[in-house]
Amino acid sequence: MSLKLQTYIKIVLILVSLYNLSYAQQIKNEPEIIVDCNYTFEEAVTGIEIPKSILKQLTIIDVEYYSFDDKIHKGQLVVNKKAANDLKEIFSFIKSSKFPIEKVIPVVKYKWSDTVSMRENNTTSFNYRNVKGYRVLSAHSYGMAIDINPVQNPHVKRNIIEPANGKYDIKKRGTILRDSKLVQEFVKRGWQWGGRWRSSKDYQHFEKKN
């Protein structure tokens, strides 16, 4: 083997070694992502009877966010296909602004109990159910609504607070404020915020009309 070829091989080996070191350092510097859930679509919509006409409108999306531990988490939302892009963009804003989200897990984990899901401060979208106190399907039944951090952003109607462990305190992290950029991100995409309702204040709730 000629001296020139040996030199060339040494240079190539050095370059490969430097590349591997650089890549290893890059992997090391990437933040750890805590996976809060990892459902398939079929797993996320099991356990209740959902009309096929609604089921075919739904999809499941992955979202990333900073939780209250200041670490990046990955969760999932079952949403209407029409709302999927909006919510992906909004969660991109949520992550970049480091607005804390406790967790985002399909409500199947809580056996489709909105009460339990809220009490656990879970952010969720699709849930096939009526509006509480009425015989009308909720916007959640179509995957066209989302409830964010219910404990920090409860539904308040007169002296009734849901969830019962909720408290709306604008000084607390994870609380949605009237003039916040988060509200603006939803509104500019055609969503309505329950914090602006007159008969009650549903601070956790955003919905978009079909």
Protein backbone atom coordinates (compact mmCIF):
# COMPACT_ATOMS: atom_id res chain seq x y z
CA MET A 1 0.00 0.00 0.00
CA SER A 2 1.43 3.36 -1.01
CA LEU A 3 2.19 6.09 1.53
CA LYS A 4 -0.30 8.41 -0.17
CA LEU A 5 -3.11 5.85 0.16
CA GLN A 6 -2.26 5.20 3.82
CA THR A 7 -2.39 8.94 4.52
CA TYR A 8 -5.74 9.21 2.76
CA ILE A 9 -7.20 6.33 4.80
CA LYS A 10 -5.98 7.91 8.06
CA ILE A 11 -7.64 11.23 7.14
CA VAL A 12 -10.93 9.46 6.34
CA LEU A 13 -10.82 7.56 9.65
CA ILE A 14 -10.18 10.80 11.57
CA LEU A 15 -13.09 12.52 9.84
CA VAL A 16 -15.42 9.59 10.57
CA SER A 17 -14.33 9.63 14.22
CA LEU A 18 -14.97 13.38 14.50
CA TYR A 19 -18.40 12.99 12.91
CA ASN A 20 -19.34 10.22 15.35
CA LEU A 21 -18.22 12.33 18.31
CA SER A 22 -20.23 15.29 17.06
CA TYR A 23 -23.34 13.17 16.52
CA ALA A 24 -23.01 11.55 19.95
CA GLN A 25 -22.73 14.99 21.57
CA GLN A 26 -25.78 16.19 19.66
CA ILE A 27 -27.82 13.23 20.92
CA LYS A 28 -26.58 13.83 24.44
CA ASN A 29 -27.65 17.48 24.33
CA GLU A 30 -31.17 16.74 23.11
CA PRO A 31 -33.70 17.05 25.95
CA GLU A 32 -35.35 13.91 27.23
CA ILE A 33 -39.00 13.60 26.21
CA ILE A 34 -41.30 12.02 28.79
CA VAL A 35 -44.04 10.00 27.09
CA ASP A 36 -47.36 10.44 28.90
CA CYS A 37 -49.22 8.08 26.56
CA ASN A 38 -48.79 6.18 23.33
CA TYR A 39 -52.19 4.92 22.17
CA THR A 40 -53.14 3.69 18.75
CA PHE A 41 -56.28 5.32 17.35
CA GLU A 42 -58.24 2.11 17.91
CA GLU A 43 -57.14 1.94 21.56
CA ALA A 44 -58.05 5.59 22.12
CA VAL A 45 -61.67 5.19 20.98
CA THR A 46 -62.54 1.87 22.59
CA GLY A 47 -64.88 1.29 25.51
CA ILE A 48 -67.95 3.26 24.40
CA GLU A 49 -70.28 3.19 21.42
CA ILE A 50 -69.38 5.95 18.99
CA PRO A 51 -71.49 6.44 15.85
CA LYS A 52 -69.57 5.54 12.71
CA SER A 53 -70.51 8.90 11.21
CA ILE A 54 -68.51 10.60 13.98
CA LEU A 55 -65.75 8.00 14.23
CA LYS A 56 -64.74 8.54 10.62
CA GLN A 57 -64.26 12.26 11.32
CA LEU A 58 -61.69 11.63 14.06
CA THR A 59 -57.94 11.20 14.16
CA ILE A 60 -55.24 11.03 16.84
CA ILE A 61 -52.33 13.46 16.97
CA ASP A 62 -49.14 13.60 19.04
CA VAL A 63 -48.36 16.84 20.84
CA GLU A 64 -45.37 18.00 22.88
CA TYR A 65 -45.46 20.45 25.78
CA TYR A 66 -43.64 21.52 28.92
CA SER A 67 -45.35 20.16 32.00
CA PHE A 68 -45.18 21.61 35.51
CA ASP A 69 -41.90 19.75 36.09
CA ASP A 70 -40.38 21.99 33.37
CA LYS A 71 -39.62 18.95 31.24
CA ILE A 72 -40.88 18.18 27.74
CA HIS A 73 -43.70 15.64 27.62
CA LYS A 74 -45.43 13.92 24.72
CA GLY A 75 -49.17 13.35 24.86
CA GLN A 76 -52.01 12.66 22.45
CA LEU A 77 -55.31 14.20 21.42
CA VAL A 78 -58.21 12.50 19.68
CA VAL A 79 -59.63 15.31 17.56
CA ASN A 80 -61.75 16.03 14.54
CA LYS A 81 -59.70 15.95 11.35
CA LYS A 82 -60.86 19.53 10.68
CA ALA A 83 -59.31 20.68 13.97
CA ALA A 84 -56.09 18.66 13.79
CA ASN A 85 -53.94 21.25 12.01
CA ASP A 86 -55.13 24.09 14.26
CA LEU A 87 -54.28 22.15 17.39
CA LYS A 88 -50.88 21.07 16.08
CA GLU A 89 -50.02 24.72 15.42
CA ILE A 90 -51.38 25.85 18.79
CA PHE A 91 -49.42 23.19 20.65
CA SER A 92 -46.31 24.28 18.78
CA PHE A 93 -46.95 27.74 20.26
CA ILE A 94 -47.65 26.22 23.69
CA LYS A 95 -44.32 24.39 23.61
CA SER A 96 -42.28 27.34 22.33
CA SER A 97 -43.83 29.69 24.90
CA LYS A 98 -43.38 27.05 27.66
CA PHE A 99 -46.97 27.46 28.82
CA PRO A 100 -47.21 24.50 31.25
CA ILE A 101 -49.65 21.68 30.55
CA GLU A 102 -50.11 19.00 33.22
CA LYS A 103 -50.74 16.15 30.76
CA VAL A 104 -52.56 15.36 27.52
CA ILE A 105 -54.06 11.87 27.52
CA PRO A 106 -57.15 10.57 25.66
CA VAL A 107 -60.07 10.27 28.09
CA VAL A 108 -60.28 6.52 27.49
CA LYS A 109 -57.64 6.30 30.25
CA TYR A 110 -60.28 7.59 32.69
CA LYS A 111 -62.99 5.22 31.40
CA TRP A 112 -64.60 8.15 29.57
CA SER A 113 -65.31 10.01 32.82
CA ASP A 114 -65.03 13.75 32.24
CA THR A 115 -65.23 14.28 36.00
CA VAL A 116 -62.21 12.09 36.72
CA SER A 117 -60.24 13.46 33.77
CA MET A 118 -60.79 17.05 34.96
CA ARG A 119 -59.94 16.19 38.56
CA GLU A 120 -56.64 14.73 37.31
CA ASN A 121 -55.95 18.02 35.48
CA ASN A 122 -55.91 16.26 32.13
CA THR A 123 -56.12 18.20 28.89
CA THR A 124 -58.39 16.44 26.43
CA SER A 125 -60.48 16.94 23.31
CA PHE A 126 -62.78 14.17 22.09
CA ASN A 127 -65.29 12.68 24.51
CA TYR A 128 -68.62 11.34 23.25
CA ARG A 129 -71.02 12.89 25.77
CA ASN A 130 -73.82 15.39 26.20
CA VAL A 131 -73.45 18.93 27.46
CA LYS A 132 -73.89 18.58 31.21
CA GLY A 133 -77.51 19.11 32.18
CA TYR A 134 -78.79 18.96 28.59
CA ARG A 135 -79.75 16.34 26.03
CA VAL A 136 -77.50 17.89 23.43
CA LEU A 137 -74.18 16.51 22.27
CA SER A 138 -71.17 18.50 23.41
CA ALA A 139 -68.68 19.92 20.90
CA HIS A 140 -66.30 17.39 22.48
CA SER A 141 -68.43 14.64 20.92
CA TYR A 142 -67.22 15.79 17.51
CA GLY A 143 -63.62 16.43 18.54
CA MET A 144 -64.17 20.15 17.97
CA ALA A 145 -63.41 21.28 21.53
CA ILE A 146 -60.52 21.07 23.95
CA ASP A 147 -60.27 21.55 27.73
CA ILE A 148 -56.86 22.75 28.98
CA ASN A 149 -55.59 22.38 32.55
CA PRO A 150 -59.05 22.05 34.18
CA VAL A 151 -57.72 22.46 37.74
CA GLN A 152 -56.19 25.86 36.96
CA ASN A 153 -59.04 26.74 34.58
CA PRO A 154 -62.29 25.37 36.03
CA HIS A 155 -65.85 25.80 34.84
CA VAL A 156 -67.48 28.33 37.18
CA LYS A 157 -71.26 28.77 37.27
CA ARG A 158 -72.62 30.73 40.22
CA ASN A 159 -71.20 28.88 43.24
CA ILE A 160 -70.50 25.62 41.39
CA ILE A 161 -66.90 24.90 40.38
CA GLU A 162 -65.90 21.95 38.18
CA PRO A 163 -63.68 20.17 38.86
CA ALA A 164 -64.28 20.47 42.58
CA ASN A 165 -60.53 20.79 43.19
CA GLY A 166 -60.26 23.61 40.66
CA LYS A 167 -59.48 27.24 41.39
CA TYR A 168 -59.11 30.10 38.93
CA ASP A 169 -56.16 32.18 40.10
CA ILE A 170 -54.52 34.39 37.48
CA LYS A 171 -51.26 34.31 39.45
CA LYS A 172 -50.89 30.55 39.07
CA ARG A 173 -48.87 28.93 36.28
CA GLY A 174 -50.98 27.16 33.67
CA THR A 175 -53.89 29.56 34.07
CA ILE A 176 -55.43 30.91 30.85
CA LEU A 177 -55.77 34.69 30.93
CA ARG A 178 -58.32 36.75 29.02
CA ASP A 179 -55.84 38.73 26.93
CA SER A 180 -53.14 36.06 26.73
CA LYS A 181 -51.39 35.08 23.53
CA LEU A 182 -52.76 31.56 23.97
CA VAL A 183 -56.34 32.83 23.73
CA GLN A 184 -55.31 34.91 20.72
CA GLU A 185 -53.82 31.85 19.01
CA PHE A 186 -57.17 30.06 19.30
CA VAL A 187 -59.33 33.07 18.39
CA LYS A 188 -57.40 33.93 15.22
CA ARG A 189 -58.13 30.40 14.01
CA GLY A 190 -61.86 30.77 14.62
CA TRP A 191 -62.11 29.15 18.07
CA GLN A 192 -64.25 30.48 20.93
CA TRP A 193 -63.06 30.63 24.52
CA GLY A 194 -65.40 29.65 27.36
CA GLY A 195 -63.80 32.30 29.57
CA ARG A 196 -65.74 34.90 27.59
CA TRP A 197 -69.14 33.31 28.08
CA ARG A 198 -71.79 35.33 29.95
CA SER A 199 -73.93 32.73 31.74
CA SER A 200 -70.88 30.93 33.11
CA LYS A 201 -67.10 30.94 32.75
CA ASP A 202 -65.55 27.78 31.33
CA TYR A 203 -61.93 28.86 31.48
CA GLN A 204 -60.54 25.51 30.33
CA HIS A 205 -62.74 25.28 27.25
CA PHE A 206 -62.14 26.20 23.61
CA GLU A 207 -64.38 25.11 20.78
CA LYS A 208 -64.75 25.65 17.05
CA LYS A 209 -68.03 25.51 15.19
CA ASN A 210 -68.24 23.06 12.29
